[in-house]
PDB file of N, CA and C in Angstrom:
ATOM      1  N   UNK A   1       0.721  -1.175  -0.001  1.00  0.00           N
ATOM      2  CA  UNK A   1      -0.093  -0.097   0.432  1.00  0.00           C
ATOM      3  C   UNK A   1       1.236   1.370  -0.035  1.00  0.00           C
ATOM      4  N   UNK A   2       1.714   1.083   0.621  1.00  0.00           N
ATOM      5  CA  UNK A   2       3.059   2.016   0.733  1.00  0.00           C
ATOM      6  C   UNK A   2       3.230   2.721  -0.530  1.00  0.00           C
ATOM      7  N   UNK A   3       3.751   1.650  -1.062  1.00  0.00           N
ATOM      8  CA  UNK A   3       4.328   2.037  -2.319  1.00  0.00           C
ATOM      9  C   UNK A   3       3.492   3.064  -3.492  1.00  0.00           C
ATOM     10  N   UNK A   4       1.934   2.098  -3.581  1.00  0.00           N
ATOM     11  CA  UNK A   4       1.276   2.446  -4.271  1.00  0.00           C
ATOM     12  C   UNK A   4       0.915   4.373  -3.936  1.00  0.00           C
ATOM     13  N   UNK A   5       0.522   4.584  -2.276  1.00  0.00           N
ATOM     14  CA  UNK A   5       0.703   5.861  -2.817  1.00  0.00           C
ATOM     15  C   UNK A   5       1.797   6.960  -3.004  1.00  0.00           C
ATOM     16  N   UNK A   6       2.942   6.180  -2.304  1.00  0.00           N
ATOM     17  CA  UNK A   6       4.142   7.064  -2.938  1.00  0.00           C
ATOM     18  C   UNK A   6       3.949   7.173  -4.829  1.00  0.00           C
ATOM     19  N   UNK A   7       4.301   5.861  -5.632  1.00  0.00           N
ATOM     20  CA  UNK A   7       3.851   5.982  -6.412  1.00  0.00           C
ATOM     21  C   UNK A   7       2.595   7.282  -7.010  1.00  0.00           C
ATOM     22  N   UNK A   8       1.676   7.338  -6.991  1.00  0.00           N
ATOM     23  CA  UNK A   8       0.857   7.711  -7.084  1.00  0.00           C
ATOM     24  C   UNK A   8       0.800   9.747  -6.129  1.00  0.00           C
ATOM     25  N   UNK A   9       1.682   9.709  -5.401  1.00  0.00           N
ATOM     26  CA  UNK A   9       1.963  10.849  -4.830  1.00  0.00           C
ATOM     27  C   UNK A   9       2.975  11.950  -5.552  1.00  0.00           C
ATOM     28  N   UNK A  10       3.736  10.759  -6.481  1.00  0.00           N
ATOM     29  CA  UNK A  10       4.546  11.023  -7.416  1.00  0.00           C
ATOM     30  C   UNK A  10       4.427  11.945  -9.089  1.00  0.00           C
ATOM     31  N   UNK A  11       3.392  10.693  -9.256  1.00  0.00           N
ATOM     32  CA  UNK A  11       2.797  11.352 -10.077  1.00  0.00           C
ATOM     33  C   UNK A  11       1.668  12.694 -10.256  1.00  0.00           C
ATOM     34  N   UNK A  12       0.783  12.730  -8.923  1.00  0.00           N
ATOM     35  CA  UNK A  12       0.498  14.114  -9.021  1.00  0.00           C
ATOM     36  C   UNK A  12       1.303  15.014  -8.744  1.00  0.00           C
ATOM     37  N   UNK A  13       2.477  14.828  -8.060  1.00  0.00           N
ATOM     38  CA  UNK A  13       4.112  15.875  -7.858  1.00  0.00           C
ATOM     39  C   UNK A  13       3.713  16.362  -9.218  1.00  0.00           C
ATOM     40  N   UNK A  14       4.222  15.167 -10.040  1.00  0.00           N
ATOM     41  CA  UNK A  14       4.678  16.019 -11.243  1.00  0.00           C
ATOM     42  C   UNK A  14       4.081  16.692 -12.457  1.00  0.00           C
ATOM     43  N   UNK A  15       2.448  16.126 -12.311  1.00  0.00           N
ATOM     44  CA  UNK A  15       1.602  16.642 -13.207  1.00  0.00           C
ATOM     45  C   UNK A  15       0.573  18.341 -12.783  1.00  0.00           C
ATOM     46  N   UNK A  16       0.909  18.430 -11.518  1.00  0.00           N
ATOM     47  CA  UNK A  16       0.976  19.398 -10.418  1.00  0.00           C
ATOM     48  C   UNK A  16       2.003  20.500 -10.987  1.00  0.00           C
ATOM     49  N   UNK A  17       3.266  20.251 -10.961  1.00  0.00           N
ATOM     50  CA  UNK A  17       4.361  20.646 -11.392  1.00  0.00           C
ATOM     51  C   UNK A  17       4.543  21.591 -12.577  1.00  0.00           C
ATOM     52  N   UNK A  18       3.991  20.366 -13.893  1.00  0.00           N
ATOM     53  CA  UNK A  18       3.366  20.712 -15.280  1.00  0.00           C
ATOM     54  C   UNK A  18       2.642  21.643 -15.621  1.00  0.00           C
ATOM     55  N   UNK A  19       1.594  21.642 -14.907  1.00  0.00           N
ATOM     56  CA  UNK A  19       0.672  22.181 -14.553  1.00  0.00           C
ATOM     57  C   UNK A  19       0.835  24.194 -14.994  1.00  0.00           C
ATOM     58  N   UNK A  20       1.273  23.774 -13.280  1.00  0.00           N
ATOM     59  CA  UNK A  20       2.404  24.939 -12.942  1.00  0.00           C
ATOM     60  C   UNK A  20       3.064  25.728 -13.818  1.00  0.00           C
ATOM     61  N   UNK A  21       3.969  24.956 -14.350  1.00  0.00           N
ATOM     62  CA  UNK A  21       5.210  25.713 -15.493  1.00  0.00           C
ATOM     63  C   UNK A  21       4.509  26.197 -16.838  1.00  0.00           C
ATOM     64  N   UNK A  22       3.907  25.184 -17.362  1.00  0.00           N
ATOM     65  CA  UNK A  22       3.267  25.807 -18.403  1.00  0.00           C
ATOM     66  C   UNK A  22       1.757  26.058 -18.684  1.00  0.00           C
ATOM     67  N   UNK A  23       1.518  26.393 -17.694  1.00  0.00           N
ATOM     68  CA  UNK A  23      -0.326  26.886 -17.648  1.00  0.00           C
ATOM     69  C   UNK A  23      -1.221  26.211 -18.448  1.00  0.00           C
ATOM     70  N   UNK A  24      -0.608  25.334 -18.220  1.00  0.00           N
ATOM     71  CA  UNK A  24      -1.570  24.029 -19.213  1.00  0.00           C
ATOM     72  C   UNK A  24      -2.399  23.387 -18.445  1.00  0.00           C
ATOM     73  N   UNK A  25      -3.752  23.634 -18.084  1.00  0.00           N
ATOM     74  CA  UNK A  25      -4.674  23.151 -16.994  1.00  0.00           C
ATOM     75  C   UNK A  25      -5.926  22.110 -17.444  1.00  0.00           C
ATOM     76  N   UNK A  26      -5.319  21.418 -18.624  1.00  0.00           N
ATOM     77  CA  UNK A  26      -6.298  20.393 -19.044  1.00  0.00           C
ATOM     78  C   UNK A  26      -5.559  19.381 -18.962  1.00  0.00           C
ATOM     79  N   UNK A  27      -4.693  18.690 -18.090  1.00  0.00           N
ATOM     80  CA  UNK A  27      -4.724  17.061 -17.147  1.00  0.00           C
ATOM     81  C   UNK A  27      -4.881  17.669 -16.188  1.00  0.00           C
ATOM     82  N   UNK A  28      -5.640  18.788 -15.246  1.00  0.00           N
ATOM     83  CA  UNK A  28      -6.327  18.893 -14.079  1.00  0.00           C
ATOM     84  C   UNK A  28      -7.181  18.016 -13.606  1.00  0.00           C
ATOM     85  N   UNK A  29      -8.431  17.224 -14.383  1.00  0.00           N
ATOM     86  CA  UNK A  29      -9.449  15.986 -13.977  1.00  0.00           C
ATOM     87  C   UNK A  29      -8.314  15.115 -14.097  1.00  0.00           C
ATOM     88  N   UNK A  30      -7.479  14.894 -14.737  1.00  0.00           N
ATOM     89  CA  UNK A  30      -6.722  13.513 -14.312  1.00  0.00           C
ATOM     90  C   UNK A  30      -5.504  13.331 -12.922  1.00  0.00           C
ATOM     91  N   UNK A  31      -5.498  14.829 -12.548  1.00  0.00           N
ATOM     92  CA  UNK A  31      -4.447  15.132 -11.659  1.00  0.00           C
ATOM     93  C   UNK A  31      -5.541  14.675  -9.895  1.00  0.00           C
ATOM     94  N   UNK A  32      -6.590  15.649 -10.590  1.00  0.00           N
ATOM     95  CA  UNK A  32      -8.014  14.873  -9.062  1.00  0.00           C
ATOM     96  C   UNK A  32      -8.191  13.995  -9.165  1.00  0.00           C
ATOM     97  N   UNK A  33      -8.369  13.001 -10.526  1.00  0.00           N
ATOM     98  CA  UNK A  33      -8.750  11.321 -10.353  1.00  0.00           C
ATOM     99  C   UNK A  33      -7.587  11.087  -9.507  1.00  0.00           C
ATOM    100  N   UNK A  34      -6.118  10.702  -9.712  1.00  0.00           N
ATOM    101  CA  UNK A  34      -5.321  10.443  -9.154  1.00  0.00           C
ATOM    102  C   UNK A  34      -4.927  10.720  -7.918  1.00  0.00           C
ATOM    103  N   UNK A  35      -4.907  12.092  -7.416  1.00  0.00           N
ATOM    104  CA  UNK A  35      -4.731  12.400  -6.077  1.00  0.00           C
ATOM    105  C   UNK A  35      -6.415  11.736  -4.946  1.00  0.00           C
ATOM    106  N   UNK A  36      -7.377  11.562  -6.031  1.00  0.00           N
ATOM    107  CA  UNK A  36      -8.548  10.857  -5.270  1.00  0.00           C
ATOM    108  C   UNK A  36      -8.272   9.082  -4.618  1.00  0.00           C
ATOM    109  N   UNK A  37      -7.334   9.361  -5.953  1.00  0.00           N
ATOM    110  CA  UNK A  37      -7.044   7.296  -5.675  1.00  0.00           C
ATOM    111  C   UNK A  37      -6.297   7.526  -4.538  1.00  0.00           C
ATOM    112  N   UNK A  38      -4.820   8.327  -4.672  1.00  0.00           N
ATOM    113  CA  UNK A  38      -4.173   8.374  -3.344  1.00  0.00           C
ATOM    114  C   UNK A  38      -4.759   8.517  -2.045  1.00  0.00           C
ATOM    115  N   UNK A  39      -5.760   9.556  -1.665  1.00  0.00           N
ATOM    116  CA  UNK A  39      -6.266   9.558  -0.261  1.00  0.00           C
ATOM    117  C   UNK A  39      -6.993   8.073   0.043  1.00  0.00           C
ATOM    118  N   UNK A  40      -7.957   7.598  -1.126  1.00  0.00           N
ATOM    119  CA  UNK A  40      -8.772   6.662  -0.752  1.00  0.00           C
ATOM    120  C   UNK A  40      -7.441   5.576  -0.611  1.00  0.00           C
ATOM    121  N   UNK A  41      -6.151   5.306  -0.937  1.00  0.00           N
ATOM    122  CA  UNK A  41      -5.307   4.354  -0.550  1.00  0.00           C
ATOM    123  C   UNK A  41      -4.893   4.624   0.684  1.00  0.00           C
ATOM    124  N   UNK A  42      -5.040   5.741   1.427  1.00  0.00           N
ATOM    125  CA  UNK A  42      -4.679   6.613   2.162  1.00  0.00           C
ATOM    126  C   UNK A  42      -5.839   5.940   3.535  1.00  0.00           C
ATOM    127  N   UNK A  43      -6.877   6.230   2.850  1.00  0.00           N
ATOM    128  CA  UNK A  43      -7.664   5.679   3.764  1.00  0.00           C
ATOM    129  C   UNK A  43      -8.095   4.425   3.980  1.00  0.00           C
ATOM    130  N   UNK A  44      -7.899   3.423   2.975  1.00  0.00           N
ATOM    131  CA  UNK A  44      -8.044   1.886   3.719  1.00  0.00           C
ATOM    132  C   UNK A  44      -6.681   1.674   4.676  1.00  0.00           C
ATOM    133  N   UNK A  45      -5.389   2.216   4.054  1.00  0.00           N
ATOM    134  CA  UNK A  45      -4.825   2.002   5.169  1.00  0.00           C
ATOM    135  C   UNK A  45      -5.112   2.848   6.975  1.00  0.00           C
ATOM    136  N   UNK A  46      -5.446   3.581   7.018  1.00  0.00           N
ATOM    137  CA  UNK A  46      -5.915   4.242   8.041  1.00  0.00           C
ATOM    138  C   UNK A  46      -7.087   2.811   8.716  1.00  0.00           C
ATOM    139  N   UNK A  47      -7.842   2.319   7.904  1.00  0.00           N
ATOM    140  CA  UNK A  47      -8.860   1.889   8.568  1.00  0.00           C
ATOM    141  C   UNK A  47      -7.992   0.465   8.772  1.00  0.00           C
ATOM    142  N   UNK A  48      -7.097  -0.124   7.832  1.00  0.00           N
ATOM    143  CA  UNK A  48      -6.124  -1.294   8.745  1.00  0.00           C
ATOM    144  C   UNK A  48      -5.228  -1.478   9.520  1.00  0.00           C
ATOM    145  N   UNK A  49      -5.064   0.425   9.965  1.00  0.00           N
ATOM    146  CA  UNK A  49      -4.500   0.248  11.202  1.00  0.00           C
ATOM    147  C   UNK A  49      -5.284   1.138  12.352  1.00  0.00           C
ATOM    148  N   UNK A  50      -6.787   0.499  12.190  1.00  0.00           N
ATOM    149  CA  UNK A  50      -7.582   0.902  13.645  1.00  0.00           C
ATOM    150  C   UNK A  50      -7.904   2.244  13.838  1.00  0.00           C
ATOM    151  N   UNK A  51      -7.223   3.168  12.827  1.00  0.00           N
ATOM    152  CA  UNK A  51      -7.678   4.585  12.924  1.00  0.00           C
ATOM    153  C   UNK A  51      -8.684   4.921  12.055  1.00  0.00           C
ATOM    154  N   UNK A  52     -10.233   4.361  12.831  1.00  0.00           N
ATOM    155  CA  UNK A  52     -11.089   4.421  11.449  1.00  0.00           C
ATOM    156  C   UNK A  52     -11.983   5.807  11.624  1.00  0.00           C
ATOM    157  N   UNK A  53     -12.025   6.732  12.170  1.00  0.00           N
ATOM    158  CA  UNK A  53     -12.230   8.736  11.627  1.00  0.00           C
ATOM    159  C   UNK A  53     -11.484   8.563  10.741  1.00  0.00           C
ATOM    160  N   UNK A  54     -10.129   8.735  11.203  1.00  0.00           N
ATOM    161  CA  UNK A  54      -9.839   9.389  10.085  1.00  0.00           C
ATOM    162  C   UNK A  54      -9.421   8.493   8.972  1.00  0.00           C
ATOM    163  N   UNK A  55     -10.223   7.248   8.795  1.00  0.00           N
ATOM    164  CA  UNK A  55      -9.976   6.453   7.560  1.00  0.00           C
ATOM    165  C   UNK A  55     -11.319   6.582   6.910  1.00  0.00           C
ATOM    166  N   UNK A  56     -12.534   7.065   7.511  1.00  0.00           N
ATOM    167  CA  UNK A  56     -13.693   6.964   7.080  1.00  0.00           C
ATOM    168  C   UNK A  56     -13.726   8.738   6.066  1.00  0.00           C
ATOM    169  N   UNK A  57     -12.891   9.537   7.364  1.00  0.00           N
ATOM    170  CA  UNK A  57     -13.078  11.139   6.605  1.00  0.00           C
ATOM    171  C   UNK A  57     -12.352  11.093   5.574  1.00  0.00           C
ATOM    172  N   UNK A  58     -10.976  10.072   5.228  1.00  0.00           N
ATOM    173  CA  UNK A  58      -9.989  10.228   3.873  1.00  0.00           C
ATOM    174  C   UNK A  58     -11.495   9.759   3.201  1.00  0.00           C
ATOM    175  N   UNK A  59     -11.775   8.236   3.179  1.00  0.00           N
ATOM    176  CA  UNK A  59     -12.484   7.862   2.225  1.00  0.00           C
ATOM    177  C   UNK A  59     -13.538   8.948   1.607  1.00  0.00           C
ATOM    178  N   UNK A  60     -14.062   9.341   2.473  1.00  0.00           N
ATOM    179  CA  UNK A  60     -14.909  10.797   1.883  1.00  0.00           C
ATOM    180  C   UNK A  60     -14.588  11.622   1.421  1.00  0.00           C
ATOM    181  N   UNK A  61     -13.460  12.237   1.480  1.00  0.00           N
ATOM    182  CA  UNK A  61     -12.834  13.006   0.706  1.00  0.00           C
ATOM    183  C   UNK A  61     -12.511  12.373  -0.698  1.00  0.00           C
ATOM    184  N   UNK A  62     -11.672  11.304  -0.331  1.00  0.00           N
ATOM    185  CA  UNK A  62     -11.876  10.492  -1.655  1.00  0.00           C
ATOM    186  C   UNK A  62     -12.526  10.658  -2.431  1.00  0.00           C
ATOM    187  N   UNK A  63     -13.874  10.037  -2.483  1.00  0.00           N
ATOM    188  CA  UNK A  63     -15.312   9.725  -2.713  1.00  0.00           C
ATOM    189  C   UNK A  63     -15.201  11.283  -3.802  1.00  0.00           C
ATOM    190  N   UNK A  64     -15.319  12.557  -2.958  1.00  0.00           N
ATOM    191  CA  UNK A  64     -15.718  13.458  -3.677  1.00  0.00           C
ATOM    192  C   UNK A  64     -14.694  13.846  -4.289  1.00  0.00           C
ATOM    193  N   UNK A  65     -12.998  13.556  -4.427  1.00  0.00           N
ATOM    194  CA  UNK A  65     -12.379  14.169  -5.781  1.00  0.00           C
ATOM    195  C   UNK A  65     -12.229  12.922  -6.636  1.00  0.00           C
ATOM    196  N   UNK A  66     -12.728  11.954  -6.238  1.00  0.00           N
ATOM    197  CA  UNK A  66     -13.196  11.005  -7.255  1.00  0.00           C
ATOM    198  C   UNK A  66     -14.042  11.700  -8.387  1.00  0.00           C
ATOM    199  N   UNK A  67     -15.397  11.731  -7.401  1.00  0.00           N
ATOM    200  CA  UNK A  67     -16.499  12.042  -8.565  1.00  0.00           C
ATOM    201  C   UNK A  67     -16.276  13.325  -8.859  1.00  0.00           C
ATOM    202  N   UNK A  68     -15.307  14.376  -8.814  1.00  0.00           N
ATOM    203  CA  UNK A  68     -16.006  15.558  -9.427  1.00  0.00           C
ATOM    204  C   UNK A  68     -14.227  15.208 -10.750  1.00  0.00           C
ATOM    205  N   UNK A  69     -13.270  14.753 -10.533  1.00  0.00           N
ATOM    206  CA  UNK A  69     -12.457  14.144 -11.816  1.00  0.00           C
ATOM    207  C   UNK A  69     -13.091  13.377 -12.510  1.00  0.00           C
ATOM    208  N   UNK A  70     -14.010  12.679 -12.185  1.00  0.00           N
ATOM    209  CA  UNK A  70     -14.808  11.595 -13.255  1.00  0.00           C
ATOM    210  C   UNK A  70     -16.004  13.141 -13.795  1.00  0.00           C
ATOM    211  N   UNK A  71     -16.327  13.746 -13.183  1.00  0.00           N
ATOM    212  CA  UNK A  71     -17.755  14.446 -13.500  1.00  0.00           C
ATOM    213  C   UNK A  71     -16.629  15.448 -14.931  1.00  0.00           C
ATOM    214  N   UNK A  72     -15.748  16.106 -14.781  1.00  0.00           N
ATOM    215  CA  UNK A  72     -14.763  17.375 -15.424  1.00  0.00           C
ATOM    216  C   UNK A  72     -14.403  16.195 -16.596  1.00  0.00           C
ATOM    217  N   UNK A  73     -13.809  14.563 -16.821  1.00  0.00           N
ATOM    218  CA  UNK A  73     -13.845  14.062 -17.379  1.00  0.00           C
ATOM    219  C   UNK A  73     -14.382  13.656 -18.672  1.00  0.00           C
ATOM    220  N   UNK A  74     -15.861  13.504 -17.870  1.00  0.00           N
ATOM    221  CA  UNK A  74     -17.064  12.764 -19.018  1.00  0.00           C
ATOM    222  C   UNK A  74     -17.899  14.168 -19.264  1.00  0.00           C
ATOM    223  N   UNK A  75     -17.429  15.260 -18.724  1.00  0.00           N
ATOM    224  CA  UNK A  75     -17.935  15.986 -19.256  1.00  0.00           C
ATOM    225  C   UNK A  75     -17.610  16.905 -20.407  1.00  0.00           C
TER     226      UNK A  75
END
Protein backbone atom coordinates (compact mmCIF):
# COMPACT_ATOMS: atom_id res chain seq x y z
CA UNK A 1 0.00 0.00 0.00
CA UNK A 2 2.80 2.41 0.83
CA UNK A 3 4.51 1.96 -2.51
CA UNK A 4 1.29 2.58 -4.42
CA UNK A 5 0.66 5.70 -2.35
CA UNK A 6 4.20 6.97 -2.99
CA UNK A 7 3.96 6.28 -6.73
CA UNK A 8 0.62 8.09 -6.97
CA UNK A 9 2.08 10.97 -4.94
CA UNK A 10 5.01 11.31 -7.33
CA UNK A 11 2.69 11.24 -10.35
CA UNK A 12 0.35 13.85 -8.84
CA UNK A 13 3.31 16.03 -7.87
CA UNK A 14 4.77 15.77 -11.38
CA UNK A 15 1.48 16.59 -13.10
CA UNK A 16 0.88 19.52 -10.76
CA UNK A 17 4.35 20.89 -11.39
CA UNK A 18 3.84 20.53 -15.13
CA UNK A 19 0.54 22.43 -14.92
CA UNK A 20 2.14 25.25 -12.95
CA UNK A 21 5.12 25.60 -15.28
CA UNK A 22 3.24 25.43 -18.59
CA UNK A 23 -0.16 26.91 -17.64
CA UNK A 24 -1.74 23.86 -19.30
CA UNK A 25 -4.76 23.03 -17.18
CA UNK A 26 -6.20 20.33 -19.43
CA UNK A 27 -4.70 17.61 -17.25
CA UNK A 28 -6.38 18.88 -14.08
CA UNK A 29 -9.11 16.16 -14.12
CA UNK A 30 -6.45 13.45 -14.29
CA UNK A 31 -4.62 15.04 -11.38
CA UNK A 32 -7.83 15.21 -9.33
CA UNK A 33 -8.65 11.58 -10.14
CA UNK A 34 -5.18 10.35 -9.17
CA UNK A 35 -5.24 12.46 -6.01
CA UNK A 36 -8.59 10.86 -5.13
CA UNK A 37 -7.07 7.41 -5.60
CA UNK A 38 -4.15 8.35 -3.40
CA UNK A 39 -6.43 9.56 -0.59
CA UNK A 40 -8.59 6.43 -0.98
CA UNK A 41 -5.56 4.22 -0.48
CA UNK A 42 -4.57 6.33 2.51
CA UNK A 43 -8.06 5.86 3.97
CA UNK A 44 -7.85 2.10 3.52
CA UNK A 45 -4.45 2.08 5.25
CA UNK A 46 -5.81 4.13 8.15
CA UNK A 47 -8.75 1.74 8.63
CA UNK A 48 -6.37 -1.23 8.61
CA UNK A 49 -4.31 0.47 11.33
CA UNK A 50 -7.44 0.81 13.52
CA UNK A 51 -7.81 4.58 13.02
CA UNK A 52 -11.35 4.37 11.72
CA UNK A 53 -12.42 8.02 12.05
CA UNK A 54 -9.49 9.34 10.02
CA UNK A 55 -9.95 6.48 7.53
CA UNK A 56 -13.62 7.25 7.00
CA UNK A 57 -12.94 10.97 6.57
CA UNK A 58 -10.19 10.15 4.05
CA UNK A 59 -12.49 7.83 2.13
CA UNK A 60 -15.25 10.46 2.00
CA UNK A 61 -12.75 13.02 0.74
CA UNK A 62 -11.49 10.54 -1.82
CA UNK A 63 -15.03 9.86 -3.01
CA UNK A 64 -15.60 13.56 -3.53
CA UNK A 65 -12.32 13.96 -5.41
CA UNK A 66 -12.99 10.93 -7.59
CA UNK A 67 -16.51 12.15 -8.34
CA UNK A 68 -15.30 15.61 -9.37
CA UNK A 69 -12.46 14.18 -11.46
CA UNK A 70 -14.75 11.77 -13.31
CA UNK A 71 -17.43 14.43 -13.75
CA UNK A 72 -14.97 16.80 -15.39
CA UNK A 73 -13.51 14.02 -17.55
CA UNK A 74 -16.90 12.88 -18.80
CA UNK A 75 -18.32 16.34 -19.50
